[in-house]
Protein backbone atom coordinates (compact mmCIF):
# COMPACT_ATOMS: atom_id res chain seq x y z
CA UNK A 1 -72.14 30.95 84.59
CA UNK A 2 -74.02 27.66 84.94
CA UNK A 3 -74.77 27.79 81.19
CA UNK A 4 -71.05 28.07 80.34
CA UNK A 5 -70.18 25.10 82.55
CA UNK A 6 -72.96 23.06 80.91
CA UNK A 7 -71.54 23.93 77.46
CA UNK A 8 -68.07 22.86 78.46
CA UNK A 9 -69.43 19.63 79.91
CA UNK A 10 -71.21 18.93 76.62
CA UNK A 11 -68.13 19.80 74.50
CA UNK A 12 -65.69 17.62 76.44
CA UNK A 13 -66.81 14.25 74.99
CA UNK A 14 -67.16 15.84 71.53
CA UNK A 15 -63.62 17.15 71.58
CA UNK A 16 -62.29 13.83 72.89
CA UNK A 17 -64.08 11.87 70.15
CA UNK A 18 -62.88 14.27 67.46
CA UNK A 19 -59.25 14.03 68.70
CA UNK A 20 -59.32 10.23 68.48
CA UNK A 21 -60.66 10.18 64.93
CA UNK A 22 -58.45 13.06 63.78
CA UNK A 23 -55.31 11.25 64.98
CA UNK A 24 -56.45 8.06 63.20
CA UNK A 25 -57.00 10.09 60.06
CA UNK A 26 -53.49 11.64 60.29
CA UNK A 27 -51.86 8.21 60.73
CA UNK A 28 -53.75 6.70 57.84
CA UNK A 29 -53.07 9.75 55.69
CA UNK A 30 -49.32 9.30 56.26
CA UNK A 31 -49.55 5.62 55.32
CA UNK A 32 -51.37 6.47 52.16
CA UNK A 33 -48.65 9.00 51.17
CA UNK A 34 -45.85 6.47 51.84
CA UNK A 35 -47.62 3.80 49.81
CA UNK A 36 -48.23 6.27 47.00
CA UNK A 37 -44.47 6.89 46.72
CA UNK A 38 -43.76 3.13 46.35
CA UNK A 39 -46.30 2.11 43.71
CA UNK A 40 -48.19 3.83 40.97
CA UNK A 41 -51.74 2.56 41.42
CA UNK A 42 -54.74 4.45 40.09
CA UNK A 43 -57.19 2.92 42.58
CA UNK A 44 -55.05 3.95 45.54
CA UNK A 45 -54.74 7.46 44.15
CA UNK A 46 -58.53 7.79 43.79
CA UNK A 47 -59.09 6.53 47.35
CA UNK A 48 -56.56 9.00 48.61
CA UNK A 49 -58.21 11.88 46.77
CA UNK A 50 -61.64 11.02 48.29
CA UNK A 51 -60.17 11.26 51.76
CA UNK A 52 -59.10 14.85 51.36
CA UNK A 53 -59.06 17.79 53.70
CA UNK A 54 -62.68 18.78 52.87
CA UNK A 55 -63.90 16.24 55.46
CA UNK A 56 -61.82 17.93 58.09
CA UNK A 57 -63.21 21.29 57.08
CA UNK A 58 -66.76 19.98 57.73
CA UNK A 59 -65.70 18.78 61.16
CA UNK A 60 -64.09 22.11 62.03
CA UNK A 61 -67.20 24.04 60.96
CA UNK A 62 -69.25 21.84 63.23
CA UNK A 63 -66.91 22.44 66.15
CA UNK A 64 -67.10 26.17 65.64
CA UNK A 65 -70.88 26.02 65.89
CA UNK A 66 -70.70 23.92 69.05
CA UNK A 67 -68.02 26.08 70.65
CA UNK A 68 -70.28 29.07 70.25
CA UNK A 69 -72.45 27.55 73.00
CA UNK A 70 -70.16 28.81 75.74
CA UNK A 71 -70.99 32.38 74.74
CA UNK A 72 -74.76 31.81 75.05
CA UNK A 73 -76.77 32.18 78.23
CA UNK A 74 -80.14 30.86 79.25
CA UNK A 75 -82.04 33.99 78.30
CA UNK A 76 -80.41 34.57 74.89
CA UNK A 77 -82.34 33.68 71.79
CA UNK A 78 -80.92 31.72 68.89
CA UNK A 79 -78.70 29.55 71.07
CA UNK A 80 -78.71 25.84 70.31
CA UNK A 81 -80.52 23.77 72.92
CA UNK A 82 -79.09 20.62 74.44
CA UNK A 83 -81.28 18.15 72.55
CA UNK A 84 -80.42 19.68 69.22
CA UNK A 85 -76.71 19.62 70.05
CA UNK A 86 -76.89 15.97 71.03
CA UNK A 87 -78.58 15.16 67.73
CA UNK A 88 -75.81 16.85 65.80
CA UNK A 89 -73.21 14.94 67.83
CA UNK A 90 -74.86 11.64 67.09
CA UNK A 91 -74.87 12.44 63.36
CA UNK A 92 -71.22 13.43 63.59
CA UNK A 93 -70.34 10.21 65.42
CA UNK A 94 -72.12 8.19 62.74
CA UNK A 95 -70.28 10.12 60.02
CA UNK A 96 -66.88 9.51 61.62
CA UNK A 97 -67.57 5.78 62.04
CA UNK A 98 -68.38 5.59 58.36
CA UNK A 99 -65.15 7.36 57.55
CA UNK A 100 -63.24 4.91 59.76
CA UNK A 101 -64.70 1.95 57.83
CA UNK A 102 -63.70 3.53 54.54
CA UNK A 103 -60.20 4.25 55.89
CA UNK A 104 -59.84 0.64 57.03
CA UNK A 105 -60.90 -0.60 53.56
CA UNK A 106 -58.35 1.68 51.87
CA UNK A 107 -55.63 0.44 54.22
CA UNK A 108 -56.51 -3.17 53.41
CA UNK A 109 -56.20 -2.41 49.68
CA UNK A 110 -52.83 -0.76 50.25
CA UNK A 111 -51.53 -3.76 52.22
CA UNK A 112 -52.65 -6.08 49.41
CA UNK A 113 -50.83 -4.00 46.79
CA UNK A 114 -47.66 -3.89 48.89
CA UNK A 115 -47.72 -7.68 49.29
CA UNK A 116 -48.07 -8.15 45.49
CA UNK A 117 -45.21 -5.71 44.89
CA UNK A 118 -42.92 -7.56 47.33
CA UNK A 119 -43.70 -10.89 45.66
CA UNK A 120 -42.83 -9.44 42.25
CA UNK A 121 -39.53 -7.99 43.46
CA UNK A 122 -38.52 -11.28 45.07
CA UNK A 123 -38.80 -13.02 41.68
CA UNK A 124 -36.17 -10.75 40.07
CA UNK A 125 -32.73 -12.48 39.34
CA UNK A 126 -30.04 -11.68 41.85
CA UNK A 127 -27.45 -9.11 40.68
CA UNK A 128 -24.52 -11.24 41.80
CA UNK A 129 -25.81 -14.22 39.77
CA UNK A 130 -26.17 -12.17 36.59
CA UNK A 131 -22.75 -10.59 37.01
CA UNK A 132 -21.09 -13.95 37.62
CA UNK A 133 -22.30 -15.09 34.20
CA UNK A 134 -20.51 -12.13 32.57
CA UNK A 135 -17.06 -12.58 34.12
CA UNK A 136 -14.23 -15.10 34.34
CA UNK A 137 -12.28 -16.31 37.39
CA UNK A 138 -9.32 -14.12 38.43
CA UNK A 139 -5.88 -14.76 36.93
CA UNK A 140 -2.54 -14.38 38.69
CA UNK A 141 0.87 -13.41 37.35
CA UNK A 142 3.21 -16.33 36.64
CA UNK A 143 6.32 -16.90 38.68
CA UNK A 144 9.14 -14.74 37.29
CA UNK A 145 6.63 -12.76 35.22
CA UNK A 146 4.08 -9.96 35.24
CA UNK A 147 0.36 -9.65 34.51
CA UNK A 148 -1.23 -6.67 32.74
CA UNK A 149 -5.00 -6.23 33.05
CA UNK A 150 -7.38 -6.31 36.00
CA UNK A 151 -10.75 -6.60 34.23
CA UNK A 152 -12.25 -10.09 34.16
CA UNK A 153 -15.47 -9.31 32.27
CA UNK A 154 -16.41 -10.98 28.98
CA UNK A 155 -14.34 -9.64 26.09
CA UNK A 156 -11.54 -8.22 28.25
CA UNK A 157 -7.92 -9.27 27.70
CA UNK A 158 -5.16 -10.06 30.18
CA UNK A 159 -1.52 -10.01 29.02
CA UNK A 160 1.51 -11.74 30.51
CA UNK A 161 5.28 -11.19 30.13
CA UNK A 162 8.30 -12.96 31.56
CA UNK A 163 11.23 -11.34 33.33
CA UNK A 164 14.65 -11.07 31.72
CA UNK A 165 16.39 -14.42 31.62
CA UNK A 166 13.11 -16.33 31.28
CA UNK A 167 11.07 -17.36 28.25
CA UNK A 168 7.30 -17.79 28.09
CA UNK A 169 5.57 -21.10 27.46
CA UNK A 170 1.83 -20.80 26.96
CA UNK A 171 -0.53 -18.00 25.96
CA UNK A 172 0.83 -14.49 26.32
CA UNK A 173 -2.70 -13.06 25.91
CA UNK A 174 -5.94 -14.57 27.24
CA UNK A 175 -9.48 -13.36 26.55
CA UNK A 176 -12.54 -13.82 28.82
CA UNK A 177 -15.09 -15.79 26.80
CA UNK A 178 -18.89 -15.76 27.02
CA UNK A 179 -18.97 -19.17 28.70
CA UNK A 180 -17.01 -17.78 31.67
CA UNK A 181 -13.66 -19.38 30.77
CA UNK A 182 -10.37 -17.92 29.56
CA UNK A 183 -9.00 -18.59 26.10
CA UNK A 184 -5.57 -20.18 25.64
CA UNK A 185 -3.54 -21.99 28.29
CA UNK A 186 -1.81 -20.82 31.43
CA UNK A 187 1.60 -19.25 30.89
CA UNK A 188 4.80 -20.51 32.51
CA UNK A 189 8.11 -18.60 32.63
CA UNK A 190 11.02 -20.99 32.16
CA UNK A 191 14.67 -20.22 32.79
CA UNK A 192 16.63 -19.38 29.63
CA UNK A 193 19.86 -21.36 29.52
CA UNK A 194 22.53 -20.69 26.92
CA UNK A 195 23.11 -24.42 26.77
CA UNK A 196 19.39 -25.27 26.48
CA UNK A 197 19.59 -24.99 22.68
CA UNK A 198 22.31 -27.70 22.62
CA UNK A 199 24.86 -25.65 20.68
CA UNK A 200 27.64 -28.23 21.13
CA UNK A 201 27.70 -31.04 18.59
CA UNK A 202 28.98 -34.62 18.39
CA UNK A 203 28.55 -35.41 22.08
CA UNK A 204 30.43 -32.36 23.35
CA UNK A 205 29.83 -30.93 26.82
CA UNK A 206 28.37 -27.43 27.10
CA UNK A 207 29.84 -25.38 29.95
CA UNK A 208 27.99 -22.18 30.85
CA UNK A 209 29.82 -19.01 31.78
CA UNK A 210 28.60 -15.43 32.22
CA UNK A 211 26.14 -14.84 29.33
CA UNK A 212 28.03 -17.30 27.11
CA UNK A 213 29.08 -20.90 26.83
CA UNK A 214 32.03 -23.07 25.81
CA UNK A 215 32.04 -26.49 24.22
CA UNK A 216 34.39 -29.15 25.58
CA UNK A 217 34.93 -31.42 22.61
CA UNK A 218 35.39 -35.20 22.84
CA UNK A 219 38.36 -36.96 21.29
CA UNK A 220 38.82 -36.50 17.53
CA UNK A 221 36.48 -33.44 17.38
CA UNK A 222 37.31 -29.72 17.33
CA UNK A 223 35.87 -26.33 16.56
CA UNK A 224 33.81 -23.80 18.51
CA UNK A 225 30.86 -26.20 18.42
CA UNK A 226 32.92 -29.37 18.03
CA UNK A 227 31.72 -29.57 14.45
CA UNK A 228 35.04 -30.54 12.88
CA UNK A 229 36.40 -34.06 13.03
CA UNK A 230 40.09 -34.28 13.77
CA UNK A 231 41.85 -35.82 10.81
CA UNK A 232 45.33 -37.06 10.23
CA UNK A 233 45.27 -35.34 6.85
CA UNK A 234 44.17 -31.69 7.13
CA UNK A 235 41.05 -30.61 5.18
CA UNK A 236 41.24 -28.47 2.07
CA UNK A 237 40.35 -25.29 3.93
CA UNK A 238 43.11 -25.83 6.50
CA UNK A 239 46.32 -23.80 6.24
CA UNK A 240 49.41 -26.02 6.58
CA UNK A 241 53.14 -25.68 6.08
CA UNK A 242 53.10 -22.19 7.58
CA UNK A 243 54.20 -21.76 11.20
CA UNK A 244 52.18 -18.51 11.44
CA UNK A 245 48.98 -20.48 10.87
CA UNK A 246 49.64 -23.19 13.49
CA UNK A 247 49.21 -23.22 17.26
CA UNK A 248 49.74 -25.69 20.06
CA UNK A 249 46.49 -26.95 21.58
CA UNK A 250 45.40 -26.11 25.11
CA UNK A 251 44.90 -29.30 27.13
CA UNK A 252 43.36 -29.95 30.55
CA UNK A 253 42.34 -33.01 32.53
CA UNK A 254 38.62 -33.39 33.16
CA UNK A 255 37.43 -36.42 35.15
CA UNK A 256 40.85 -38.07 34.80
CA UNK A 257 40.70 -37.66 31.02
CA UNK A 258 42.72 -35.20 29.00
CA UNK A 259 40.78 -32.84 26.76
CA UNK A 260 42.45 -30.51 24.28
CA UNK A 261 40.98 -27.55 22.46
CA UNK A 262 42.08 -24.83 20.05
CA UNK A 263 41.62 -21.09 19.99
CA UNK A 264 38.84 -19.52 17.92
CA UNK A 265 39.69 -19.66 14.24
CA UNK A 266 41.74 -22.88 14.58
CA UNK A 267 40.89 -26.58 14.48
CA UNK A 268 42.70 -29.60 15.83
CA UNK A 269 44.62 -31.79 13.44
CA UNK A 270 46.96 -34.73 13.70
CA UNK A 271 46.88 -37.79 15.97
CA UNK A 272 45.85 -37.98 19.60
CA UNK A 273 49.50 -38.22 20.61
CA UNK A 274 50.73 -35.49 18.31
CA UNK A 275 47.90 -33.00 17.71
CA UNK A 276 48.22 -29.41 16.49
CA UNK A 277 45.84 -26.51 15.94
CA UNK A 278 45.70 -25.47 12.30
CA UNK A 279 44.16 -22.21 11.05
CA UNK A 280 40.64 -22.37 9.61
CA UNK A 281 40.34 -20.60 6.28
CA UNK A 282 37.05 -18.80 6.97
CA UNK A 283 36.85 -17.59 3.37
CA UNK A 284 36.70 -21.15 2.04
CA UNK A 285 34.51 -22.48 4.84
CA UNK A 286 31.89 -19.78 4.22
CA UNK A 287 31.90 -20.47 0.50
CA UNK A 288 31.49 -24.21 1.12
CA UNK A 289 28.76 -23.98 3.75
CA UNK A 290 26.82 -20.95 2.48
CA UNK A 291 27.41 -21.34 -1.24
CA UNK A 292 28.63 -17.78 -1.74
CA UNK A 293 31.50 -15.40 -1.01
CA UNK A 294 32.07 -14.07 2.47
CA UNK A 295 33.17 -10.66 1.17
CA UNK A 296 31.73 -8.46 -1.54
CA UNK A 297 35.06 -8.30 -3.37
CA UNK A 298 38.00 -10.24 -1.89
CA UNK A 299 38.40 -12.29 1.30
CA UNK A 300 41.86 -12.39 2.86
CA UNK A 301 42.56 -15.19 5.35
CA UNK A 302 44.76 -14.36 8.35
CA UNK A 303 45.79 -16.58 11.31
CA UNK A 304 42.65 -17.25 13.33
CA UNK A 305 40.50 -14.78 11.38
CA UNK A 306 39.96 -13.01 8.04
CA UNK A 307 39.35 -9.56 6.55
CA UNK A 308 37.76 -8.22 3.38
CA UNK A 309 39.41 -5.92 0.87
CA UNK A 310 38.08 -3.66 -1.87
CA UNK A 311 39.50 -2.78 -5.32
CA UNK A 312 41.16 0.53 -6.07
CA UNK A 313 38.66 3.38 -6.10
CA UNK A 314 36.37 1.69 -3.53
CA UNK A 315 36.20 1.81 0.28
CA UNK A 316 35.16 -0.80 2.85
CA UNK A 317 31.89 -0.11 4.66
CA UNK A 318 31.23 -0.40 8.39
CA UNK A 319 29.97 -3.99 8.11
CA UNK A 320 33.52 -5.05 7.18
CA UNK A 321 32.34 -6.96 4.10
CA UNK A 322 30.78 -4.53 1.61
CA UNK A 323 32.49 -2.09 -0.76
CA UNK A 324 31.35 1.34 -1.94
CA UNK A 325 32.64 3.50 -4.78
CA UNK A 326 34.69 6.56 -3.85
CA UNK A 327 33.43 9.72 -5.59
CA UNK A 328 36.69 11.30 -6.67
CA UNK A 329 34.88 14.29 -8.14
CA UNK A 330 33.05 15.08 -4.93
CA UNK A 331 36.12 14.60 -2.74
CA UNK A 332 38.36 16.56 -5.14
CA UNK A 333 40.61 13.55 -5.78
CA UNK A 334 40.73 14.09 -9.56
CA UNK A 335 43.20 15.82 -11.87
CA UNK A 336 40.81 17.27 -14.48
CA UNK A 337 42.20 20.37 -16.19
CA UNK A 338 40.51 23.71 -16.60
CA UNK A 339 37.70 23.64 -19.15
CA UNK A 340 36.81 20.00 -18.47
CA UNK A 341 34.30 18.50 -16.06
CA UNK A 342 34.91 15.55 -13.70
CA UNK A 343 32.50 12.61 -14.12
CA UNK A 344 32.60 9.94 -11.40
CA UNK A 345 32.69 6.32 -12.56
CA UNK A 346 32.81 2.97 -10.77
CA UNK A 347 36.28 2.87 -9.26
CA UNK A 348 37.52 6.00 -11.03
CA UNK A 349 36.61 9.19 -12.91
CA UNK A 350 36.66 10.79 -16.36
CA UNK A 351 37.36 14.35 -17.50
CA UNK A 352 34.88 15.34 -20.24
CA UNK A 353 34.28 18.37 -22.42
CA UNK A 354 31.46 17.67 -24.88
CA UNK A 355 31.48 19.77 -28.08
CA UNK A 356 28.51 21.01 -30.09
CA UNK A 357 27.97 19.45 -33.54
CA UNK A 358 29.34 21.21 -36.59
CA UNK A 359 27.10 23.36 -38.78
CA UNK A 360 25.03 21.35 -41.22
CA UNK A 361 22.09 22.24 -43.49
CA UNK A 362 22.01 25.86 -42.31
CA UNK A 363 21.82 24.66 -38.65
CA UNK A 364 24.54 25.78 -36.28
CA UNK A 365 24.86 25.49 -32.50
CA UNK A 366 26.30 27.46 -29.63
CA UNK A 367 27.28 26.05 -26.21
CA UNK A 368 25.13 27.57 -23.47
CA UNK A 369 26.37 25.36 -20.57
CA UNK A 370 29.02 22.64 -20.06
CA UNK A 371 26.47 19.97 -21.05
CA UNK A 372 24.03 21.73 -23.44
CA UNK A 373 24.07 23.27 -26.93
CA UNK A 374 21.30 25.39 -28.50
CA UNK A 375 20.56 25.97 -32.17
CA UNK A 376 21.10 29.41 -33.60
CA UNK A 377 18.13 31.14 -35.29
CA UNK A 378 17.38 29.58 -38.67
CA UNK A 379 17.43 31.56 -41.94
CA UNK A 380 13.99 32.58 -43.15
CA UNK A 381 14.27 30.61 -46.40
CA UNK A 382 15.67 27.38 -44.87
CA UNK A 383 13.40 24.34 -44.70
CA UNK A 384 15.90 21.89 -43.20
CA UNK A 385 17.09 24.07 -40.30
CA UNK A 386 13.77 24.04 -38.34
CA UNK A 387 13.80 20.24 -38.53
CA UNK A 388 17.16 20.01 -36.77
CA UNK A 389 17.29 19.60 -32.97
CA UNK A 390 16.58 22.84 -31.17
CA UNK A 391 18.62 21.76 -28.12
CA UNK A 392 21.24 19.02 -27.59
CA UNK A 393 22.07 17.91 -24.03
CA UNK A 394 24.76 15.50 -22.78
CA UNK A 395 24.33 13.07 -19.89
CA UNK A 396 26.77 10.61 -18.24
CA UNK A 397 25.51 7.62 -16.23
CA UNK A 398 27.75 5.32 -14.15
CA UNK A 399 26.34 1.80 -13.69
CA UNK A 400 27.55 -1.35 -11.86
CA UNK A 401 28.12 -4.49 -13.85
CA UNK A 402 25.12 -6.82 -14.38
CA UNK A 403 22.54 -4.33 -13.09
CA UNK A 404 19.13 -5.95 -12.63
CA UNK A 405 16.71 -5.10 -15.43
CA UNK A 406 14.40 -3.49 -16.33
CA UNK A 407 15.90 -0.32 -14.84
CA UNK A 408 14.89 3.30 -15.55
CA UNK A 409 18.05 5.28 -16.39
CA UNK A 410 16.91 8.67 -17.67
CA UNK A 411 13.79 10.87 -17.86
CA UNK A 412 13.09 13.58 -20.43
CA UNK A 413 10.37 16.27 -20.17
CA UNK A 414 9.38 19.53 -21.86
CA UNK A 415 9.64 22.99 -20.34
CA UNK A 416 7.80 26.08 -21.58
CA UNK A 417 8.53 29.71 -20.90
CA UNK A 418 6.11 31.57 -18.61
CA UNK A 419 3.20 33.06 -20.52
CA UNK A 420 3.70 30.85 -23.57
CA UNK A 421 1.40 27.93 -24.36
CA UNK A 422 3.04 24.53 -24.32
CA UNK A 423 2.81 21.84 -27.01
CA UNK A 424 -0.40 19.86 -27.45
CA UNK A 425 1.47 16.55 -27.58
CA UNK A 426 4.95 15.03 -27.30
CA UNK A 427 6.58 12.11 -29.08
CA UNK A 428 9.54 10.21 -27.67
CA UNK A 429 11.92 7.81 -29.37
CA UNK A 430 15.48 6.50 -29.74
CA UNK A 431 17.20 8.43 -32.54
CA UNK A 432 20.62 6.82 -32.67
CA UNK A 433 22.91 4.37 -30.99
CA UNK A 434 23.57 1.76 -33.63
CA UNK A 435 23.68 -1.75 -32.19
CA UNK A 436 22.88 -0.49 -28.70
CA UNK A 437 19.29 0.36 -29.63
CA UNK A 438 18.21 -3.18 -28.71
CA UNK A 439 19.44 -2.68 -25.15
CA UNK A 440 17.07 0.22 -24.42
CA UNK A 441 13.38 1.15 -24.67
CA UNK A 442 11.94 4.67 -24.66
CA UNK A 443 8.39 4.96 -23.32
CA UNK A 444 6.06 7.65 -22.02
CA UNK A 445 5.54 7.70 -18.23
CA UNK A 446 2.96 10.52 -18.31
CA UNK A 447 1.69 13.19 -20.74
CA UNK A 448 4.81 15.36 -20.44
CA UNK A 449 7.56 12.83 -19.55
CA UNK A 450 9.40 10.01 -21.33
CA UNK A 451 11.67 7.36 -19.74
CA UNK A 452 14.77 5.57 -21.06
CA UNK A 453 14.70 2.00 -19.73
CA UNK A 454 17.54 -0.55 -19.79
CA UNK A 455 16.06 -3.93 -20.74
CA UNK A 456 19.24 -6.10 -20.93
CA UNK A 457 22.03 -6.55 -18.41
CA UNK A 458 25.37 -4.90 -19.21
CA UNK A 459 28.59 -6.61 -18.18
CA UNK A 460 31.50 -4.28 -17.52
CA UNK A 461 33.81 -2.75 -18.06
CA UNK A 462 32.35 -1.05 -21.14
CA UNK A 463 31.05 2.29 -22.43
CA UNK A 464 28.14 2.90 -24.82
CA UNK A 465 25.97 5.79 -25.99
CA UNK A 466 22.36 6.21 -27.03
CA UNK A 467 20.48 9.24 -28.39
CA UNK A 468 16.94 10.02 -27.25
CA UNK A 469 14.72 12.58 -28.96
CA UNK A 470 11.56 14.40 -27.94
CA UNK A 471 9.37 16.10 -30.58
CA UNK A 472 6.80 18.81 -29.85
CA UNK A 473 3.52 19.13 -31.78
CA UNK A 474 0.79 21.76 -31.75
CA UNK A 475 -2.45 21.15 -33.65
CA UNK A 476 -0.73 18.07 -35.12
CA UNK A 477 1.95 20.31 -36.60
CA UNK A 478 5.65 19.78 -35.83
CA UNK A 479 7.09 22.59 -33.71
CA UNK A 480 10.53 21.59 -32.41
CA UNK A 481 12.79 18.68 -31.52
CA UNK A 482 15.11 18.16 -28.54
CA UNK A 483 17.97 15.63 -28.46
CA UNK A 484 19.65 13.98 -25.43
CA UNK A 485 22.90 12.03 -25.83
CA UNK A 486 23.25 9.56 -22.95
CA UNK A 487 26.68 8.03 -22.26
CA UNK A 488 26.58 4.86 -20.10
CA UNK A 489 29.76 3.93 -18.18
CA UNK A 490 29.63 0.33 -16.89
CA UNK A 491 32.02 -0.59 -14.05
CA UNK A 492 33.94 -3.87 -13.72
CA UNK A 493 32.23 -4.75 -10.44
CA UNK A 494 28.69 -5.49 -9.35
CA UNK A 495 28.78 -2.97 -6.50
């Protein structure tokens, strides 16, 4: 019993010393792990590896040997005596002090590395400074307008629009530039006034009304914009000596002065004491000011206005000025008899019934459709028959007068039966037409197609014909010829 108490008395200071150094080791071990997560330093890693758990294992083995003393008694052999135990404790104390010095040195190295790392981080540029160099100051929407775009970084665009009734002055689009400024100038939305464009002339006063304006003309001026000077003698485009084309002026006192004006389509004429509103001949005014006719065909002046008319066989379009041909054939407004075909022309129609040519040189034809004839089979001993046209077709073209040239009128191409080889080459040309040959050109548009082109303007009314032929060749040997008779019908009008 006394031996056990002596062992416990000996172990008490050993256990206390070990607890102190073990706690120091745990604290330092945690610091080493935290530092290892922050920086990647090979020297710190090696120091950490040297201070591994093997040292603790040595200490625990020693404690186990010392703790075995409480099971020994005075008479037992092999038990460690007091002097020997004290020697081991002194060696252990010396070992732990050495470890403490090494731990302190490792901690000093870690603190030095952390200080260097903090100094390096403090030298980095601030994020807000770098971002400010890549953006522009915010923009706001103008008064009476809107802004589109909320990014103010370099290269981004911001767009501006003005509300209805306002017009923009400035840059509608601005771009953030690399120097931190916006391109263009600030936008301003200004009120749109119908009188801001100064529509009234010769010192007239512009009076605004709802979405429109009215010009109050000074003395001796008239017109919607006060553009006409009041004359004692009426101008050439004024209608006189016709009560239907005259009106009394409308007069009113403005600022103690009497102002008179005329209705739209009239102008003031006469003296200040005896003025009258005369009709404006819009047809003549347009021709004088614009240098051309107001209507496509005919302009008819009426009191205060005008209207356009079209010749017989034409209709007025929705714009009130242009004319378009009426297709009597399509609308069944023709009187062609049975056996004839209706052909629409400019302003009218024709009833046609083309006939096949008479037999000649052993070549005869039969009508296979209203506009095509085909050659009958040739006699075996005939040499001239195969040279005659194999097919003859009839075509009718209606053209306006003075059509712009060059103009493609007609195309001709070959057609082969399924399973039969086509010709190696084709030749196109103008076969007949007399004096009209100089008005046309026949040329190839591709390998299988030829085009009839009008090269001179035709003034109507007139009719003319031209014959176009297409020859087929195989191995440079003539095979067949096809003929197209084109009838051109030129109208009296340019529409």
